[in-house]
Structure formats: C-alpha cells, structure tokens
Amino acid sequence: MQKVIVIGSPGAGKSTFARQLRAVTNLPLYYLDMIWHKSDGTNISLAEFDKQLDKILQSDRWIIDGNYQRTLAMRLSVCDTVFLLDYSLRVCLEGAESRIGKKREDLPWVETEFDETFKQWIINFPQEQLPNIYRLLAQYQKNKTIIVFKTREEADDYLKVIAQATCYLSYVTVKKF
C-alpha cells in the first residue's frame, strides 16, 4: 500500500479515514478539495488542477482523498489500493451536517451552513455517482486492492487491525537488529 485513493459520498468521512490511514502508514496525504478550491470559494482552472494532480500521481507514495470523477480513471490507473466508503445516505447526510462550523484541514474555508445544493448532491450520489464508481472499479481492478466499507465500524476495525500490524512489524524489525 503505497498509492492509495479514498473515495465515497460527501459526508461519509473520507478525509477522517484518510487522516487516520496517514497516521498508520506515514504516507503523504493530499486532499483534492484543497487543490481545487481557493479560500475565497472560487476554483483553480481544470488545467492547473490536472497539473497539480499529475505531479502527485508521479510521486512514489501518497494517499489522495476525494471523488472528482472526472479524474477518477486517471487515479485508478496508477494507484495500488482503493478504499470506497459506501455508507448509507443517512450517515452521509449526518456526517456533512455535523461538520458545519468546524475548521478542517481538508477544506480551505469553514462551512457556515448546510447548502441545499450540496445536500441534494449527497442525496443524488447513490444513484448518479456510485454506479459509475463501481463500473470504474471493475474496469481497473486488476493488480489493485479494493476495499469497500459499508459502515464506519468496518473502516474503524480495519484501521485498528493495520495499526496493530504496523506496530508488530516495527517491533519485529527492531528486534532483528
């Protein structure tokens, strides 16, 4: 696991999962929202976004957090591991609403309200975005580890297991010397 993407509906907790994965793996973490959005609420150009993303993709190790389906195939073609957080609509809506008013490292501003357009995007995600994600995963599955979590508890349990394995491997490595 050296080149990882974390995808799923807004509000699922992709960024939280990605941060926890970073803590266990020590892989550099990149948030697509931080690349795309400027602090004033505007966006960079598609060409600049692609240039910055390409630079990340050319490096040896990374976690990339975010959907951005326009570039998903590009990321899938070079990653070795995919985490899809395929949670219920209720969990995603609650997750998005719970972060209103909180400063986050994955977004260059503080959300002050649960924007109706964004809320509708989340509501439509299972029908409009998720089928395409699964199609792309099937298309790019060769030589990839693809892990789909259906609940936050599954993701938390996975992180606990790899954290324990990492601690054990570090101990074994130290003992060898």
N, C-alpha and C. Protein backbone atom coordinates (compact mmCIF):
# COMPACT_ATOMS: atom_id res chain seq x y z
N MET A 1 0.85 -1.17 0.00
CA MET A 1 0.00 0.00 0.00
C MET A 1 0.90 1.23 0.00
N GLN A 2 1.08 1.78 -1.21
CA GLN A 2 1.93 2.96 -1.37
C GLN A 2 1.21 4.10 -2.09
N LYS A 3 0.24 3.74 -2.92
CA LYS A 3 -0.52 4.73 -3.69
C LYS A 3 -2.00 4.43 -3.49
N VAL A 4 -2.63 5.26 -2.67
CA VAL A 4 -3.97 4.97 -2.15
C VAL A 4 -4.94 6.06 -2.53
N ILE A 5 -6.15 5.67 -2.94
CA ILE A 5 -7.21 6.65 -3.09
C ILE A 5 -8.35 6.30 -2.14
N VAL A 6 -8.96 7.34 -1.59
CA VAL A 6 -10.10 7.20 -0.69
C VAL A 6 -11.26 7.94 -1.34
N ILE A 7 -12.33 7.20 -1.65
CA ILE A 7 -13.47 7.76 -2.36
C ILE A 7 -14.76 7.40 -1.63
N GLY A 8 -15.82 8.10 -1.97
CA GLY A 8 -17.13 7.86 -1.38
C GLY A 8 -17.93 9.15 -1.38
N SER A 9 -19.15 9.04 -0.92
CA SER A 9 -20.05 10.19 -0.89
C SER A 9 -19.52 11.30 0.01
N PRO A 10 -19.82 12.55 -0.32
CA PRO A 10 -19.55 13.62 0.63
C PRO A 10 -20.25 13.29 1.96
N GLY A 11 -19.57 13.57 3.05
CA GLY A 11 -20.13 13.31 4.37
C GLY A 11 -19.86 11.92 4.90
N ALA A 12 -19.31 11.05 4.06
CA ALA A 12 -19.03 9.68 4.51
C ALA A 12 -17.89 9.63 5.52
N GLY A 13 -17.00 10.59 5.45
CA GLY A 13 -15.85 10.58 6.35
C GLY A 13 -14.56 10.20 5.65
N LYS A 14 -14.49 10.47 4.36
CA LYS A 14 -13.27 10.15 3.59
C LYS A 14 -12.04 10.81 4.18
N SER A 15 -12.16 12.08 4.49
CA SER A 15 -11.00 12.82 5.00
C SER A 15 -10.57 12.32 6.37
N THR A 16 -11.53 12.02 7.21
CA THR A 16 -11.21 11.47 8.53
C THR A 16 -10.51 10.12 8.38
N PHE A 17 -11.06 9.26 7.54
CA PHE A 17 -10.43 7.96 7.29
C PHE A 17 -9.02 8.15 6.72
N ALA A 18 -8.88 9.06 5.76
CA ALA A 18 -7.58 9.29 5.13
C ALA A 18 -6.56 9.78 6.15
N ARG A 19 -6.97 10.67 7.06
CA ARG A 19 -6.05 11.15 8.11
C ARG A 19 -5.63 10.01 9.02
N GLN A 20 -6.57 9.16 9.39
CA GLN A 20 -6.24 8.02 10.25
C GLN A 20 -5.33 7.04 9.52
N LEU A 21 -5.56 6.86 8.25
CA LEU A 21 -4.70 5.98 7.44
C LEU A 21 -3.29 6.57 7.34
N ARG A 22 -3.22 7.88 7.15
CA ARG A 22 -1.92 8.57 7.12
C ARG A 22 -1.15 8.33 8.41
N ALA A 23 -1.85 8.41 9.55
CA ALA A 23 -1.20 8.23 10.85
C ALA A 23 -0.60 6.83 10.99
N VAL A 24 -1.24 5.85 10.38
CA VAL A 24 -0.77 4.46 10.48
C VAL A 24 0.33 4.17 9.45
N THR A 25 0.19 4.72 8.25
CA THR A 25 1.10 4.36 7.15
C THR A 25 2.23 5.34 6.93
N ASN A 26 2.10 6.55 7.44
CA ASN A 26 3.05 7.64 7.18
C ASN A 26 3.14 8.03 5.71
N LEU A 27 2.10 7.73 4.95
CA LEU A 27 2.04 8.17 3.56
C LEU A 27 1.62 9.63 3.50
N PRO A 28 2.17 10.41 2.57
CA PRO A 28 1.71 11.79 2.42
C PRO A 28 0.25 11.82 1.97
N LEU A 29 -0.51 12.75 2.51
CA LEU A 29 -1.94 12.85 2.22
C LEU A 29 -2.23 14.13 1.45
N TYR A 30 -3.00 13.98 0.38
CA TYR A 30 -3.42 15.11 -0.45
C TYR A 30 -4.94 15.11 -0.53
N TYR A 31 -5.51 16.28 -0.30
CA TYR A 31 -6.96 16.47 -0.39
C TYR A 31 -7.28 17.16 -1.71
N LEU A 32 -8.08 16.51 -2.54
CA LEU A 32 -8.44 17.13 -3.82
C LEU A 32 -9.21 18.43 -3.61
N ASP A 33 -10.00 18.51 -2.55
CA ASP A 33 -10.72 19.76 -2.27
C ASP A 33 -9.75 20.91 -2.03
N MET A 34 -8.62 20.63 -1.39
CA MET A 34 -7.64 21.69 -1.12
C MET A 34 -6.92 22.13 -2.39
N ILE A 35 -6.85 21.25 -3.37
CA ILE A 35 -6.25 21.62 -4.65
C ILE A 35 -7.25 22.43 -5.47
N TRP A 36 -8.47 21.96 -5.56
CA TRP A 36 -9.48 22.54 -6.43
C TRP A 36 -10.00 23.89 -5.92
N HIS A 37 -10.27 23.98 -4.63
CA HIS A 37 -10.90 25.17 -4.07
C HIS A 37 -9.87 26.18 -3.57
N LYS A 38 -10.17 27.45 -3.81
CA LYS A 38 -9.41 28.54 -3.21
C LYS A 38 -10.14 28.98 -1.94
N SER A 39 -9.45 29.65 -1.06
CA SER A 39 -10.05 30.05 0.21
C SER A 39 -11.21 31.03 0.04
N ASP A 40 -11.26 31.72 -1.10
CA ASP A 40 -12.36 32.67 -1.34
C ASP A 40 -13.60 32.01 -1.95
N GLY A 41 -13.56 30.67 -2.07
CA GLY A 41 -14.71 29.94 -2.61
C GLY A 41 -14.68 29.73 -4.10
N THR A 42 -13.70 30.31 -4.78
CA THR A 42 -13.55 30.07 -6.21
C THR A 42 -12.67 28.83 -6.42
N ASN A 43 -12.47 28.48 -7.69
CA ASN A 43 -11.69 27.29 -8.02
C ASN A 43 -10.53 27.65 -8.94
N ILE A 44 -9.53 26.79 -8.95
CA ILE A 44 -8.46 26.94 -9.92
C ILE A 44 -8.96 26.40 -11.25
N SER A 45 -8.21 26.58 -12.30
CA SER A 45 -8.63 26.07 -13.62
C SER A 45 -8.49 24.55 -13.66
N LEU A 46 -9.24 23.93 -14.55
CA LEU A 46 -9.11 22.48 -14.74
C LEU A 46 -7.69 22.10 -15.13
N ALA A 47 -7.06 22.91 -15.97
CA ALA A 47 -5.69 22.63 -16.42
C ALA A 47 -4.72 22.67 -15.23
N GLU A 48 -4.87 23.66 -14.36
CA GLU A 48 -3.99 23.76 -13.19
C GLU A 48 -4.26 22.60 -12.22
N PHE A 49 -5.53 22.25 -12.04
CA PHE A 49 -5.88 21.12 -11.19
C PHE A 49 -5.21 19.85 -11.71
N ASP A 50 -5.35 19.60 -13.00
CA ASP A 50 -4.77 18.39 -13.61
C ASP A 50 -3.25 18.38 -13.47
N LYS A 51 -2.64 19.55 -13.62
CA LYS A 51 -1.18 19.65 -13.50
C LYS A 51 -0.74 19.29 -12.07
N GLN A 52 -1.44 19.83 -11.08
CA GLN A 52 -1.09 19.53 -9.69
C GLN A 52 -1.35 18.06 -9.36
N LEU A 53 -2.46 17.54 -9.85
CA LEU A 53 -2.77 16.13 -9.60
C LEU A 53 -1.74 15.23 -10.26
N ASP A 54 -1.37 15.54 -11.49
CA ASP A 54 -0.37 14.73 -12.20
C ASP A 54 0.96 14.70 -11.44
N LYS A 55 1.34 15.81 -10.87
CA LYS A 55 2.59 15.86 -10.11
C LYS A 55 2.52 14.91 -8.91
N ILE A 56 1.38 14.89 -8.23
CA ILE A 56 1.20 13.96 -7.10
C ILE A 56 1.25 12.52 -7.59
N LEU A 57 0.53 12.23 -8.68
CA LEU A 57 0.46 10.87 -9.20
C LEU A 57 1.82 10.33 -9.63
N GLN A 58 2.73 11.19 -10.00
CA GLN A 58 4.07 10.77 -10.43
C GLN A 58 4.98 10.44 -9.26
N SER A 59 4.59 10.85 -8.05
CA SER A 59 5.43 10.54 -6.90
C SER A 59 5.22 9.08 -6.47
N ASP A 60 6.10 8.60 -5.62
CA ASP A 60 6.13 7.17 -5.27
C ASP A 60 5.12 6.75 -4.22
N ARG A 61 4.69 7.70 -3.37
CA ARG A 61 3.85 7.33 -2.25
C ARG A 61 2.83 8.43 -1.99
N TRP A 62 1.57 8.04 -1.78
CA TRP A 62 0.55 9.04 -1.48
C TRP A 62 -0.77 8.41 -1.09
N ILE A 63 -1.56 9.22 -0.41
CA ILE A 63 -2.99 8.98 -0.21
C ILE A 63 -3.67 10.19 -0.84
N ILE A 64 -4.66 9.93 -1.68
CA ILE A 64 -5.44 11.01 -2.29
C ILE A 64 -6.88 10.84 -1.85
N ASP A 65 -7.40 11.89 -1.21
CA ASP A 65 -8.75 11.90 -0.68
C ASP A 65 -9.64 12.74 -1.59
N GLY A 66 -10.71 12.12 -2.11
CA GLY A 66 -11.69 12.88 -2.89
C GLY A 66 -12.19 12.10 -4.09
N ASN A 67 -13.39 12.45 -4.52
CA ASN A 67 -14.01 11.77 -5.65
C ASN A 67 -13.56 12.34 -6.99
N TYR A 68 -14.01 13.52 -7.30
CA TYR A 68 -13.65 14.20 -8.55
C TYR A 68 -13.65 13.19 -9.71
N GLN A 69 -14.84 12.72 -10.04
CA GLN A 69 -14.98 11.63 -11.00
C GLN A 69 -14.32 11.91 -12.34
N ARG A 70 -14.19 13.15 -12.70
CA ARG A 70 -13.52 13.48 -13.96
C ARG A 70 -12.10 12.92 -14.00
N THR A 71 -11.46 12.82 -12.84
CA THR A 71 -10.07 12.34 -12.78
C THR A 71 -9.95 10.97 -12.11
N LEU A 72 -11.06 10.34 -11.82
CA LEU A 72 -11.01 9.06 -11.11
C LEU A 72 -10.29 7.98 -11.91
N ALA A 73 -10.57 7.87 -13.19
CA ALA A 73 -9.89 6.86 -14.01
C ALA A 73 -8.38 7.08 -14.02
N MET A 74 -7.97 8.33 -14.08
CA MET A 74 -6.54 8.66 -14.07
C MET A 74 -5.90 8.16 -12.77
N ARG A 75 -6.56 8.39 -11.65
CA ARG A 75 -6.03 7.96 -10.36
C ARG A 75 -6.08 6.44 -10.22
N LEU A 76 -7.17 5.83 -10.69
CA LEU A 76 -7.29 4.37 -10.62
C LEU A 76 -6.21 3.67 -11.44
N SER A 77 -5.79 4.28 -12.53
CA SER A 77 -4.80 3.64 -13.39
C SER A 77 -3.44 3.52 -12.72
N VAL A 78 -3.14 4.35 -11.73
CA VAL A 78 -1.81 4.33 -11.11
C VAL A 78 -1.81 3.93 -9.63
N CYS A 79 -2.95 3.89 -8.98
CA CYS A 79 -2.97 3.54 -7.56
C CYS A 79 -2.79 2.04 -7.38
N ASP A 80 -2.46 1.64 -6.16
CA ASP A 80 -2.41 0.21 -5.85
C ASP A 80 -3.51 -0.20 -4.88
N THR A 81 -4.12 0.78 -4.21
CA THR A 81 -5.14 0.49 -3.21
C THR A 81 -6.26 1.52 -3.29
N VAL A 82 -7.50 1.02 -3.19
CA VAL A 82 -8.68 1.89 -3.20
C VAL A 82 -9.51 1.57 -1.97
N PHE A 83 -9.92 2.61 -1.28
CA PHE A 83 -10.89 2.49 -0.20
C PHE A 83 -12.14 3.23 -0.64
N LEU A 84 -13.25 2.51 -0.74
CA LEU A 84 -14.54 3.11 -1.07
C LEU A 84 -15.40 3.08 0.18
N LEU A 85 -15.81 4.24 0.64
CA LEU A 85 -16.70 4.35 1.78
C LEU A 85 -18.12 4.45 1.22
N ASP A 86 -18.79 3.31 1.14
CA ASP A 86 -20.13 3.21 0.56
C ASP A 86 -21.14 3.11 1.70
N TYR A 87 -21.38 4.24 2.34
CA TYR A 87 -22.23 4.30 3.52
C TYR A 87 -23.65 4.71 3.15
N SER A 88 -24.56 4.52 4.10
CA SER A 88 -25.96 4.87 3.88
C SER A 88 -26.11 6.38 3.69
N LEU A 89 -27.17 6.74 3.02
CA LEU A 89 -27.47 8.15 2.79
C LEU A 89 -27.60 8.88 4.13
N ARG A 90 -28.24 8.28 5.09
CA ARG A 90 -28.42 8.90 6.40
C ARG A 90 -27.08 9.23 7.04
N VAL A 91 -26.15 8.29 7.01
CA VAL A 91 -24.81 8.51 7.60
C VAL A 91 -24.10 9.66 6.90
N CYS A 92 -24.20 9.71 5.58
CA CYS A 92 -23.51 10.76 4.82
C CYS A 92 -24.12 12.13 5.07
N LEU A 93 -25.44 12.20 5.11
CA LEU A 93 -26.09 13.48 5.41
C LEU A 93 -25.74 13.96 6.81
N GLU A 94 -25.78 13.05 7.78
CA GLU A 94 -25.42 13.41 9.16
C GLU A 94 -23.96 13.84 9.24
N GLY A 95 -23.09 13.14 8.51
CA GLY A 95 -21.67 13.48 8.51
C GLY A 95 -21.43 14.87 7.95
N ALA A 96 -22.07 15.18 6.85
CA ALA A 96 -21.90 16.50 6.23
C ALA A 96 -22.45 17.60 7.14
N GLU A 97 -23.60 17.35 7.75
CA GLU A 97 -24.20 18.36 8.62
C GLU A 97 -23.37 18.56 9.89
N SER A 98 -22.74 17.49 10.38
CA SER A 98 -22.00 17.58 11.65
C SER A 98 -20.74 18.44 11.54
N ARG A 99 -20.26 18.66 10.35
CA ARG A 99 -19.02 19.43 10.21
C ARG A 99 -19.25 20.92 9.96
N ILE A 100 -20.50 21.34 9.88
CA ILE A 100 -20.82 22.75 9.70
C ILE A 100 -20.23 23.55 10.87
N GLY A 101 -19.52 24.62 10.54
CA GLY A 101 -18.95 25.49 11.56
C GLY A 101 -17.60 25.03 12.09
N LYS A 102 -17.06 23.94 11.58
CA LYS A 102 -15.79 23.41 12.08
C LYS A 102 -14.67 23.64 11.08
N LYS A 103 -13.52 24.07 11.57
CA LYS A 103 -12.33 24.23 10.73
C LYS A 103 -11.79 22.84 10.45
N ARG A 104 -11.44 22.62 9.18
CA ARG A 104 -10.95 21.30 8.75
C ARG A 104 -9.71 21.48 7.91
N GLU A 105 -8.81 20.52 7.98
CA GLU A 105 -7.59 20.61 7.17
C GLU A 105 -7.83 20.24 5.72
N ASP A 106 -8.99 19.70 5.41
CA ASP A 106 -9.27 19.24 4.05
C ASP A 106 -10.12 20.21 3.24
N LEU A 107 -10.42 21.38 3.77
CA LEU A 107 -11.22 22.37 3.06
C LEU A 107 -10.69 23.75 3.44
N PRO A 108 -10.52 24.65 2.45
CA PRO A 108 -9.88 25.94 2.75
C PRO A 108 -10.80 26.99 3.36
N TRP A 109 -11.97 26.63 3.80
CA TRP A 109 -12.86 27.56 4.48
C TRP A 109 -13.73 26.77 5.45
N VAL A 110 -14.42 27.48 6.30
CA VAL A 110 -15.34 26.84 7.24
C VAL A 110 -16.74 26.93 6.66
N GLU A 111 -17.40 25.79 6.54
CA GLU A 111 -18.78 25.78 6.07
C GLU A 111 -19.67 26.39 7.15
N THR A 112 -20.49 27.34 6.76
CA THR A 112 -21.33 28.02 7.74
C THR A 112 -22.79 27.56 7.69
N GLU A 113 -23.13 26.81 6.66
CA GLU A 113 -24.49 26.29 6.54
C GLU A 113 -24.45 25.01 5.71
N PHE A 114 -25.51 24.22 5.82
CA PHE A 114 -25.63 23.01 5.03
C PHE A 114 -26.34 23.42 3.74
N ASP A 115 -25.55 23.81 2.78
CA ASP A 115 -26.03 24.32 1.50
C ASP A 115 -26.99 23.31 0.84
N GLU A 116 -28.13 23.80 0.39
CA GLU A 116 -29.16 22.92 -0.20
C GLU A 116 -28.66 22.22 -1.47
N THR A 117 -27.86 22.91 -2.28
CA THR A 117 -27.33 22.29 -3.50
C THR A 117 -26.39 21.14 -3.14
N PHE A 118 -25.55 21.37 -2.14
CA PHE A 118 -24.62 20.33 -1.69
C PHE A 118 -25.40 19.16 -1.07
N LYS A 119 -26.41 19.47 -0.29
CA LYS A 119 -27.25 18.43 0.31
C LYS A 119 -27.90 17.58 -0.79
N GLN A 120 -28.40 18.22 -1.84
CA GLN A 120 -29.01 17.48 -2.94
C GLN A 120 -27.98 16.61 -3.66
N TRP A 121 -26.75 17.11 -3.78
CA TRP A 121 -25.66 16.33 -4.39
C TRP A 121 -25.46 15.02 -3.62
N ILE A 122 -25.48 15.12 -2.28
CA ILE A 122 -25.32 13.93 -1.44
C ILE A 122 -26.52 12.99 -1.63
N ILE A 123 -27.71 13.55 -1.66
CA ILE A 123 -28.92 12.73 -1.84
C ILE A 123 -28.88 11.99 -3.18
N ASN A 124 -28.39 12.66 -4.22
CA ASN A 124 -28.33 12.05 -5.56
C ASN A 124 -27.14 11.11 -5.75
N PHE A 125 -26.15 11.20 -4.88
CA PHE A 125 -24.90 10.45 -5.05
C PHE A 125 -25.10 8.95 -5.27
N PRO A 126 -25.93 8.27 -4.47
CA PRO A 126 -26.08 6.81 -4.66
C PRO A 126 -26.60 6.42 -6.05
N GLN A 127 -27.44 7.24 -6.65
CA GLN A 127 -27.97 6.92 -7.97
C GLN A 127 -27.14 7.49 -9.10
N GLU A 128 -26.57 8.66 -8.90
CA GLU A 128 -25.90 9.35 -10.00
C GLU A 128 -24.39 9.14 -10.05
N GLN A 129 -23.74 8.92 -8.93
CA GLN A 129 -22.28 8.81 -8.91
C GLN A 129 -21.79 7.39 -8.61
N LEU A 130 -22.42 6.75 -7.66
CA LEU A 130 -21.94 5.45 -7.18
C LEU A 130 -21.91 4.37 -8.27
N PRO A 131 -22.93 4.27 -9.13
CA PRO A 131 -22.84 3.25 -10.19
C PRO A 131 -21.60 3.42 -11.07
N ASN A 132 -21.26 4.65 -11.41
CA ASN A 132 -20.07 4.89 -12.23
C ASN A 132 -18.79 4.54 -11.47
N ILE A 133 -18.76 4.82 -10.18
CA ILE A 133 -17.59 4.45 -9.37
C ILE A 133 -17.41 2.93 -9.42
N TYR A 134 -18.47 2.18 -9.21
CA TYR A 134 -18.37 0.72 -9.25
C TYR A 134 -17.96 0.21 -10.63
N ARG A 135 -18.45 0.85 -11.70
CA ARG A 135 -18.03 0.46 -13.06
C ARG A 135 -16.53 0.68 -13.24
N LEU A 136 -16.05 1.83 -12.80
CA LEU A 136 -14.62 2.12 -12.92
C LEU A 136 -13.79 1.17 -12.07
N LEU A 137 -14.26 0.86 -10.88
CA LEU A 137 -13.52 -0.09 -10.04
C LEU A 137 -13.42 -1.45 -10.72
N ALA A 138 -14.49 -1.89 -11.33
CA ALA A 138 -14.46 -3.16 -12.06
C ALA A 138 -13.49 -3.10 -13.23
N GLN A 139 -13.46 -1.98 -13.90
CA GLN A 139 -12.59 -1.80 -15.07
C GLN A 139 -11.11 -1.78 -14.67
N TYR A 140 -10.80 -1.20 -13.51
CA TYR A 140 -9.40 -1.02 -13.10
C TYR A 140 -8.98 -1.97 -11.97
N GLN A 141 -9.73 -3.02 -11.72
CA GLN A 141 -9.47 -3.85 -10.55
C GLN A 141 -8.21 -4.70 -10.63
N LYS A 142 -7.70 -4.94 -11.82
CA LYS A 142 -6.53 -5.79 -11.96
C LYS A 142 -5.33 -5.18 -11.22
N ASN A 143 -4.66 -5.99 -10.42
CA ASN A 143 -3.47 -5.59 -9.66
C ASN A 143 -3.74 -4.48 -8.65
N LYS A 144 -4.96 -4.41 -8.15
CA LYS A 144 -5.32 -3.40 -7.15
C LYS A 144 -5.96 -4.11 -5.95
N THR A 145 -5.76 -3.54 -4.80
CA THR A 145 -6.52 -3.94 -3.62
C THR A 145 -7.67 -2.95 -3.50
N ILE A 146 -8.88 -3.47 -3.57
CA ILE A 146 -10.06 -2.62 -3.47
C ILE A 146 -10.84 -3.06 -2.25
N ILE A 147 -11.02 -2.13 -1.33
CA ILE A 147 -11.72 -2.42 -0.09
C ILE A 147 -12.92 -1.50 0.00
N VAL A 148 -14.11 -2.10 0.14
CA VAL A 148 -15.35 -1.35 0.25
C VAL A 148 -15.87 -1.51 1.67
N PHE A 149 -16.04 -0.39 2.33
CA PHE A 149 -16.63 -0.39 3.66
C PHE A 149 -18.08 0.05 3.54
N LYS A 150 -18.97 -0.67 4.22
CA LYS A 150 -20.39 -0.33 4.23
C LYS A 150 -20.79 0.44 5.49
N THR A 151 -19.92 0.40 6.51
CA THR A 151 -20.20 1.13 7.75
C THR A 151 -18.91 1.76 8.27
N ARG A 152 -19.06 2.76 9.10
CA ARG A 152 -17.89 3.37 9.74
C ARG A 152 -17.20 2.39 10.67
N GLU A 153 -17.98 1.49 11.27
CA GLU A 153 -17.40 0.50 12.17
C GLU A 153 -16.45 -0.42 11.40
N GLU A 154 -16.81 -0.80 10.18
CA GLU A 154 -15.91 -1.63 9.36
C GLU A 154 -14.60 -0.89 9.09
N ALA A 155 -14.69 0.38 8.75
CA ALA A 155 -13.48 1.17 8.48
C ALA A 155 -12.64 1.30 9.75
N ASP A 156 -13.28 1.58 10.88
CA ASP A 156 -12.56 1.71 12.15
C ASP A 156 -11.86 0.40 12.51
N ASP A 157 -12.55 -0.72 12.33
CA ASP A 157 -11.95 -2.03 12.63
C ASP A 157 -10.74 -2.29 11.74
N TYR A 158 -10.85 -1.94 10.48
CA TYR A 158 -9.72 -2.12 9.55
C TYR A 158 -8.52 -1.31 10.01
N LEU A 159 -8.75 -0.06 10.36
CA LEU A 159 -7.65 0.80 10.81
C LEU A 159 -6.99 0.25 12.07
N LYS A 160 -7.79 -0.30 12.98
CA LYS A 160 -7.23 -0.90 14.20
C LYS A 160 -6.34 -2.08 13.85
N VAL A 161 -6.78 -2.91 12.93
CA VAL A 161 -6.00 -4.10 12.54
C VAL A 161 -4.68 -3.69 11.89
N ILE A 162 -4.72 -2.74 10.96
CA ILE A 162 -3.45 -2.38 10.31
C ILE A 162 -2.54 -1.61 11.26
N ALA A 163 -3.11 -0.87 12.20
CA ALA A 163 -2.29 -0.18 13.20
C ALA A 163 -1.57 -1.21 14.07
N GLN A 164 -2.28 -2.25 14.47
CA GLN A 164 -1.65 -3.30 15.28
C GLN A 164 -0.59 -4.03 14.47
N ALA A 165 -0.87 -4.31 13.21
CA ALA A 165 0.10 -5.00 12.36
C ALA A 165 1.34 -4.13 12.16
N THR A 166 1.14 -2.84 11.98
CA THR A 166 2.27 -1.93 11.80
C THR A 166 3.12 -1.89 13.06
N CYS A 167 2.48 -1.83 14.22
CA CYS A 167 3.23 -1.83 15.48
C CYS A 167 4.02 -3.12 15.62
N TYR A 168 3.40 -4.24 15.28
CA TYR A 168 4.08 -5.53 15.38
C TYR A 168 5.27 -5.59 14.43
N LEU A 169 5.07 -5.15 13.18
CA LEU A 169 6.17 -5.19 12.21
C LEU A 169 7.31 -4.29 12.63
N SER A 170 7.00 -3.15 13.22
CA SER A 170 8.05 -2.26 13.71
C SER A 170 8.83 -2.93 14.83
N TYR A 171 8.14 -3.63 15.69
CA TYR A 171 8.78 -4.34 16.79
C TYR A 171 9.68 -5.45 16.26
N VAL A 172 9.17 -6.20 15.29
CA VAL A 172 9.95 -7.29 14.70
C VAL A 172 11.18 -6.74 14.00
N THR A 173 11.02 -5.65 13.28
CA THR A 173 12.15 -5.04 12.59
C THR A 173 13.22 -4.59 13.58
N VAL A 174 12.80 -3.97 14.65
CA VAL A 174 13.76 -3.53 15.67
C VAL A 174 14.46 -4.73 16.30
N LYS A 175 13.73 -5.79 16.56
CA LYS A 175 14.30 -6.98 17.19
C LYS A 175 15.34 -7.65 16.29
N LYS A 176 15.21 -7.52 14.97
CA LYS A 176 16.15 -8.16 14.06
C LYS A 176 17.55 -7.57 14.19
N PHE A 177 17.64 -6.31 14.52
CA PHE A 177 18.93 -5.66 14.63
C PHE A 177 19.49 -6.00 15.96
